[in-house]
Amino acid sequence: MKYMISDIHGCYEEYQRLLEKIAFSEKDELYVLGDAVDRGPEPIRVLQDMMERPGVYPVMGNHDYVALRILGTFRDEATADNLGSSLTRQDLLSCMYWIRDGGRTTVKSFLALEPERRREILRYLESFPAYREAFAGGKRYVLVHGGIEHFDRSRSLASYDVQELAFCRADYDRRY
């Protein structure tokens, strides 16, 4: 069976209940259409579960993208206590805006990890594609987090960048 979900936003317990409810198994496919992190209490735990579970296919969401960009600027020795001194002024400003938009729990749980586990999380986030294709019922589906900004039939999917697929909103009056 194929399943799709979006915007888990660090809600690990609810995510687990969903997997139990659908009796998710290794034979199934789960497409996570972005925003696995931020806002909820356990975003890193959500990512760790997704990493270890076969059949889970993530797509980059705007929150995942921002988390990757900002967490990637942290040095291995960064902690909650020395974060301000471990970032450039611009990175610190970006981090503060992100924290206000729900990134606080992601930063806190990321900084609690050992450096090697941090690198694993970053590598995993880096692996998220901007879109995926799935087939079901004889139809092809393009899976994105947001929409397809600047959509043009003559343009290949691969030519769209993550901002055009993860940061925009879908136009439901348009046929893509």
C-alpha atoms as a PDB file:
ATOM      1  CA  MET A   1       0.000   0.000   0.000  1.00  0.00           C
ATOM      2  CA  LYS A   2       1.171   3.552  -0.697  1.00  0.00           C
ATOM      3  CA  TYR A   3       0.581   6.345   1.789  1.00  0.00           C
ATOM      4  CA  MET A   4       1.319  10.067   1.783  1.00  0.00           C
ATOM      5  CA  ILE A   5       1.584  12.501   4.655  1.00  0.00           C
ATOM      6  CA  SER A   6       2.831  16.041   5.002  1.00  0.00           C
ATOM      7  CA  ASP A   7       3.718  18.394   7.821  1.00  0.00           C
ATOM      8  CA  ILE A   8       4.570  15.978  10.632  1.00  0.00           C
ATOM      9  CA  HIS A   9       6.350  18.963  12.223  1.00  0.00           C
ATOM     10  CA  GLY A  10       8.147  17.019  14.930  1.00  0.00           C
ATOM     11  CA  CYS A  11       5.012  15.353  16.316  1.00  0.00           C
ATOM     12  CA  TYR A  12       6.607  11.963  16.894  1.00  0.00           C
ATOM     13  CA  GLU A  13       3.824  10.422  19.002  1.00  0.00           C
ATOM     14  CA  GLU A  14       1.122  11.339  16.482  1.00  0.00           C
ATOM     15  CA  TYR A  15       3.333  10.057  13.655  1.00  0.00           C
ATOM     16  CA  GLN A  16       3.745   6.727  15.481  1.00  0.00           C
ATOM     17  CA  ARG A  17      -0.002   6.456  16.092  1.00  0.00           C
ATOM     18  CA  LEU A  18      -0.613   7.030  12.395  1.00  0.00           C
ATOM     19  CA  LEU A  19       1.838   4.265  11.447  1.00  0.00           C
ATOM     20  CA  GLU A  20       0.119   1.919  13.897  1.00  0.00           C
ATOM     21  CA  LYS A  21      -3.334   2.847  12.613  1.00  0.00           C
ATOM     22  CA  ILE A  22      -2.420   2.007   9.013  1.00  0.00           C
ATOM     23  CA  ALA A  23      -0.421  -1.044  10.151  1.00  0.00           C
ATOM     24  CA  PHE A  24       2.576   0.244   8.201  1.00  0.00           C
ATOM     25  CA  SER A  25       4.936  -2.574   7.222  1.00  0.00           C
ATOM     26  CA  GLU A  26       8.103  -3.075   5.190  1.00  0.00           C
ATOM     27  CA  LYS A  27       5.896  -3.921   2.198  1.00  0.00           C
ATOM     28  CA  ASP A  28       4.317  -0.449   2.273  1.00  0.00           C
ATOM     29  CA  GLU A  29       5.545   2.895   0.990  1.00  0.00           C
ATOM     30  CA  LEU A  30       5.184   6.146   2.920  1.00  0.00           C
ATOM     31  CA  TYR A  31       5.878   9.408   1.136  1.00  0.00           C
ATOM     32  CA  VAL A  32       6.562  12.213   3.611  1.00  0.00           C
ATOM     33  CA  LEU A  33       5.831  15.363   1.632  1.00  0.00           C
ATOM     34  CA  GLY A  34       7.931  17.785   3.613  1.00  0.00           C
ATOM     35  CA  ASP A  35       8.093  19.532   6.952  1.00  0.00           C
ATOM     36  CA  ALA A  36       9.106  16.604   9.127  1.00  0.00           C
ATOM     37  CA  VAL A  37      10.804  19.079  11.496  1.00  0.00           C
ATOM     38  CA  ASP A  38      10.021  22.149  13.629  1.00  0.00           C
ATOM     39  CA  ARG A  39       7.177  23.144  15.913  1.00  0.00           C
ATOM     40  CA  GLY A  40       6.453  19.751  17.544  1.00  0.00           C
ATOM     41  CA  PRO A  41       8.372  18.367  20.532  1.00  0.00           C
ATOM     42  CA  GLU A  42      10.516  15.685  18.822  1.00  0.00           C
ATOM     43  CA  PRO A  43      11.603  16.640  15.293  1.00  0.00           C
ATOM     44  CA  ILE A  44      14.949  14.841  15.408  1.00  0.00           C
ATOM     45  CA  ARG A  45      13.270  11.683  16.664  1.00  0.00           C
ATOM     46  CA  VAL A  46      10.886  11.862  13.665  1.00  0.00           C
ATOM     47  CA  LEU A  47      13.879  12.124  11.311  1.00  0.00           C
ATOM     48  CA  GLN A  48      15.684   9.247  13.032  1.00  0.00           C
ATOM     49  CA  ASP A  49      12.626   7.039  12.655  1.00  0.00           C
ATOM     50  CA  MET A  50      12.246   7.962   8.995  1.00  0.00           C
ATOM     51  CA  MET A  51      15.950   7.234   8.399  1.00  0.00           C
ATOM     52  CA  GLU A  52      15.764   3.763   9.883  1.00  0.00           C
ATOM     53  CA  ARG A  53      12.407   2.681   8.508  1.00  0.00           C
ATOM     54  CA  PRO A  54      12.406   0.962   5.097  1.00  0.00           C
ATOM     55  CA  GLY A  55       9.836   2.238   2.638  1.00  0.00           C
ATOM     56  CA  VAL A  56       9.835   5.855   3.831  1.00  0.00           C
ATOM     57  CA  TYR A  57      10.516   8.365   1.051  1.00  0.00           C
ATOM     58  CA  PRO A  58      10.923  12.015   2.071  1.00  0.00           C
ATOM     59  CA  VAL A  59      10.417  15.116  -0.044  1.00  0.00           C
ATOM     60  CA  MET A  60      11.996  18.449   0.921  1.00  0.00           C
ATOM     61  CA  GLY A  61       9.668  20.887   2.650  1.00  0.00           C
ATOM     62  CA  ASN A  62      10.372  24.517   3.421  1.00  0.00           C
ATOM     63  CA  HIS A  63      10.998  23.792   7.118  1.00  0.00           C
ATOM     64  CA  ASP A  64      13.318  20.877   6.273  1.00  0.00           C
ATOM     65  CA  TYR A  65      15.225  23.115   3.858  1.00  0.00           C
ATOM     66  CA  VAL A  66      15.674  25.921   6.385  1.00  0.00           C
ATOM     67  CA  ALA A  67      16.689  23.415   9.074  1.00  0.00           C
ATOM     68  CA  LEU A  68      19.314  21.918   6.764  1.00  0.00           C
ATOM     69  CA  ARG A  69      20.720  25.321   5.810  1.00  0.00           C
ATOM     70  CA  ILE A  70      20.945  26.605   9.382  1.00  0.00           C
ATOM     71  CA  LEU A  71      21.926  23.409  11.199  1.00  0.00           C
ATOM     72  CA  GLY A  72      24.649  22.941   8.611  1.00  0.00           C
ATOM     73  CA  THR A  73      26.288  26.166   9.827  1.00  0.00           C
ATOM     74  CA  PHE A  74      26.703  24.846  13.382  1.00  0.00           C
ATOM     75  CA  ARG A  75      30.165  23.616  14.271  1.00  0.00           C
ATOM     76  CA  ASP A  76      30.506  20.242  15.995  1.00  0.00           C
ATOM     77  CA  GLU A  77      31.238  21.897  19.333  1.00  0.00           C
ATOM     78  CA  ALA A  78      28.135  24.104  19.203  1.00  0.00           C
ATOM     79  CA  THR A  79      25.864  23.847  22.222  1.00  0.00           C
ATOM     80  CA  ALA A  80      22.809  25.758  23.408  1.00  0.00           C
ATOM     81  CA  ASP A  81      25.137  27.771  25.674  1.00  0.00           C
ATOM     82  CA  ASN A  82      27.713  28.807  23.061  1.00  0.00           C
ATOM     83  CA  LEU A  83      25.559  28.968  19.935  1.00  0.00           C
ATOM     84  CA  GLY A  84      25.865  32.750  19.610  1.00  0.00           C
ATOM     85  CA  SER A  85      29.660  32.589  19.510  1.00  0.00           C
ATOM     86  CA  SER A  86      29.746  29.686  17.051  1.00  0.00           C
ATOM     87  CA  LEU A  87      27.755  31.445  14.268  1.00  0.00           C
ATOM     88  CA  THR A  88      28.405  34.453  12.087  1.00  0.00           C
ATOM     89  CA  ARG A  89      26.176  37.445  12.681  1.00  0.00           C
ATOM     90  CA  GLN A  90      24.126  36.684   9.536  1.00  0.00           C
ATOM     91  CA  ASP A  91      23.780  32.986  10.456  1.00  0.00           C
ATOM     92  CA  LEU A  92      22.721  33.950  13.983  1.00  0.00           C
ATOM     93  CA  LEU A  93      20.084  36.328  12.593  1.00  0.00           C
ATOM     94  CA  SER A  94      18.763  33.610  10.252  1.00  0.00           C
ATOM     95  CA  CYS A  95      18.710  31.176  13.156  1.00  0.00           C
ATOM     96  CA  MET A  96      16.737  33.598  15.314  1.00  0.00           C
ATOM     97  CA  TYR A  97      14.084  34.082  12.599  1.00  0.00           C
ATOM     98  CA  TRP A  98      13.860  30.319  12.123  1.00  0.00           C
ATOM     99  CA  ILE A  99      13.534  29.706  15.867  1.00  0.00           C
ATOM    100  CA  ARG A 100      10.597  32.151  15.943  1.00  0.00           C
ATOM    101  CA  ASP A 101       8.983  30.225  13.072  1.00  0.00           C
ATOM    102  CA  GLY A 102       9.052  26.916  14.934  1.00  0.00           C
ATOM    103  CA  GLY A 103      12.694  25.850  14.776  1.00  0.00           C
ATOM    104  CA  ARG A 104      13.330  26.005  18.533  1.00  0.00           C
ATOM    105  CA  THR A 105      12.660  22.302  19.193  1.00  0.00           C
ATOM    106  CA  THR A 106      14.699  21.277  16.156  1.00  0.00           C
ATOM    107  CA  VAL A 107      17.726  23.305  17.308  1.00  0.00           C
ATOM    108  CA  LYS A 108      17.425  22.071  20.876  1.00  0.00           C
ATOM    109  CA  SER A 109      17.177  18.384  19.964  1.00  0.00           C
ATOM    110  CA  PHE A 110      19.882  18.684  17.275  1.00  0.00           C
ATOM    111  CA  LEU A 111      22.341  20.275  19.718  1.00  0.00           C
ATOM    112  CA  ALA A 112      21.704  17.439  22.205  1.00  0.00           C
ATOM    113  CA  LEU A 113      23.166  14.939  19.688  1.00  0.00           C
ATOM    114  CA  GLU A 114      26.765  13.800  19.480  1.00  0.00           C
ATOM    115  CA  PRO A 115      28.633  15.287  16.479  1.00  0.00           C
ATOM    116  CA  GLU A 116      28.492  12.067  14.423  1.00  0.00           C
ATOM    117  CA  ARG A 117      24.709  11.792  14.910  1.00  0.00           C
ATOM    118  CA  ARG A 118      24.396  15.459  13.866  1.00  0.00           C
ATOM    119  CA  ARG A 119      26.296  14.698  10.668  1.00  0.00           C
ATOM    120  CA  GLU A 120      23.983  11.715  10.000  1.00  0.00           C
ATOM    121  CA  ILE A 121      20.924  13.937  10.359  1.00  0.00           C
ATOM    122  CA  LEU A 122      22.418  16.544   8.022  1.00  0.00           C
ATOM    123  CA  ARG A 123      23.322  13.898   5.416  1.00  0.00           C
ATOM    124  CA  TYR A 124      19.789  12.552   5.618  1.00  0.00           C
ATOM    125  CA  LEU A 125      18.230  16.004   5.172  1.00  0.00           C
ATOM    126  CA  GLU A 126      20.584  16.639   2.239  1.00  0.00           C
ATOM    127  CA  SER A 127      19.228  13.501   0.577  1.00  0.00           C
ATOM    128  CA  PHE A 128      15.656  14.861   0.441  1.00  0.00           C
ATOM    129  CA  PRO A 129      14.729  15.515  -3.187  1.00  0.00           C
ATOM    130  CA  ALA A 130      12.664  18.547  -4.170  1.00  0.00           C
ATOM    131  CA  TYR A 131      10.080  16.186  -5.703  1.00  0.00           C
ATOM    132  CA  ARG A 132       9.355  12.526  -6.226  1.00  0.00           C
ATOM    133  CA  GLU A 133       7.289  10.652  -8.736  1.00  0.00           C
ATOM    134  CA  ALA A 134       4.933   7.873  -7.698  1.00  0.00           C
ATOM    135  CA  PHE A 135       2.672   5.585  -9.671  1.00  0.00           C
ATOM    136  CA  ALA A 136      -0.671   4.327  -8.433  1.00  0.00           C
ATOM    137  CA  GLY A 137      -3.770   3.102 -10.220  1.00  0.00           C
ATOM    138  CA  GLY A 138      -2.037   3.403 -13.567  1.00  0.00           C
ATOM    139  CA  LYS A 139      -1.380   7.127 -13.035  1.00  0.00           C
ATOM    140  CA  ARG A 140       1.809   9.105 -12.511  1.00  0.00           C
ATOM    141  CA  TYR A 141       1.885  11.566  -9.633  1.00  0.00           C
ATOM    142  CA  VAL A 142       4.413  14.304  -8.977  1.00  0.00           C
ATOM    143  CA  LEU A 143       4.847  14.756  -5.231  1.00  0.00           C
ATOM    144  CA  VAL A 144       6.008  18.103  -3.871  1.00  0.00           C
ATOM    145  CA  HIS A 145       5.625  19.906  -0.589  1.00  0.00           C
ATOM    146  CA  GLY A 146       4.151  23.165  -1.819  1.00  0.00           C
ATOM    147  CA  GLY A 147       3.284  23.571  -5.459  1.00  0.00           C
ATOM    148  CA  ILE A 148       5.024  24.203  -8.747  1.00  0.00           C
ATOM    149  CA  GLU A 149       5.812  27.898  -8.900  1.00  0.00           C
ATOM    150  CA  HIS A 150       6.322  29.340 -12.387  1.00  0.00           C
ATOM    151  CA  PHE A 151       4.765  26.203 -13.864  1.00  0.00           C
ATOM    152  CA  ASP A 152       5.317  25.801 -17.593  1.00  0.00           C
ATOM    153  CA  ARG A 153       4.453  22.593 -19.473  1.00  0.00           C
ATOM    154  CA  SER A 154       7.554  22.989 -21.635  1.00  0.00           C
ATOM    155  CA  ARG A 155       9.818  23.037 -18.583  1.00  0.00           C
ATOM    156  CA  SER A 156      11.254  19.779 -17.198  1.00  0.00           C
ATOM    157  CA  LEU A 157      10.626  18.915 -13.545  1.00  0.00           C
ATOM    158  CA  ALA A 158      14.361  18.684 -12.935  1.00  0.00           C
ATOM    159  CA  SER A 159      14.751  22.369 -13.879  1.00  0.00           C
ATOM    160  CA  TYR A 160      12.713  23.560 -10.870  1.00  0.00           C
ATOM    161  CA  ASP A 161      14.646  24.417  -7.738  1.00  0.00           C
ATOM    162  CA  VAL A 162      13.581  23.562  -4.217  1.00  0.00           C
ATOM    163  CA  GLN A 163      12.251  27.069  -3.558  1.00  0.00           C
ATOM    164  CA  GLU A 164       9.827  26.692  -6.478  1.00  0.00           C
ATOM    165  CA  LEU A 165       8.530  23.374  -5.134  1.00  0.00           C
ATOM    166  CA  ALA A 166       8.721  23.684  -1.351  1.00  0.00           C
ATOM    167  CA  PHE A 167       8.090  27.354  -0.597  1.00  0.00           C
ATOM    168  CA  CYS A 168       5.140  28.168  -2.828  1.00  0.00           C
ATOM    169  CA  ARG A 169       1.492  27.278  -2.427  1.00  0.00           C
ATOM    170  CA  ALA A 170      -0.350  25.108  -4.900  1.00  0.00           C
ATOM    171  CA  ASP A 171      -2.841  26.782  -7.192  1.00  0.00           C
ATOM    172  CA  TYR A 172      -5.783  24.381  -6.953  1.00  0.00           C
ATOM    173  CA  ASP A 173      -7.557  26.084  -9.835  1.00  0.00           C
ATOM    174  CA  ARG A 174      -4.756  25.092 -12.191  1.00  0.00           C
ATOM    175  CA  ARG A 175      -4.076  21.761 -13.853  1.00  0.00           C
ATOM    176  CA  TYR A 176      -0.399  20.969 -13.642  1.00  0.00           C
END
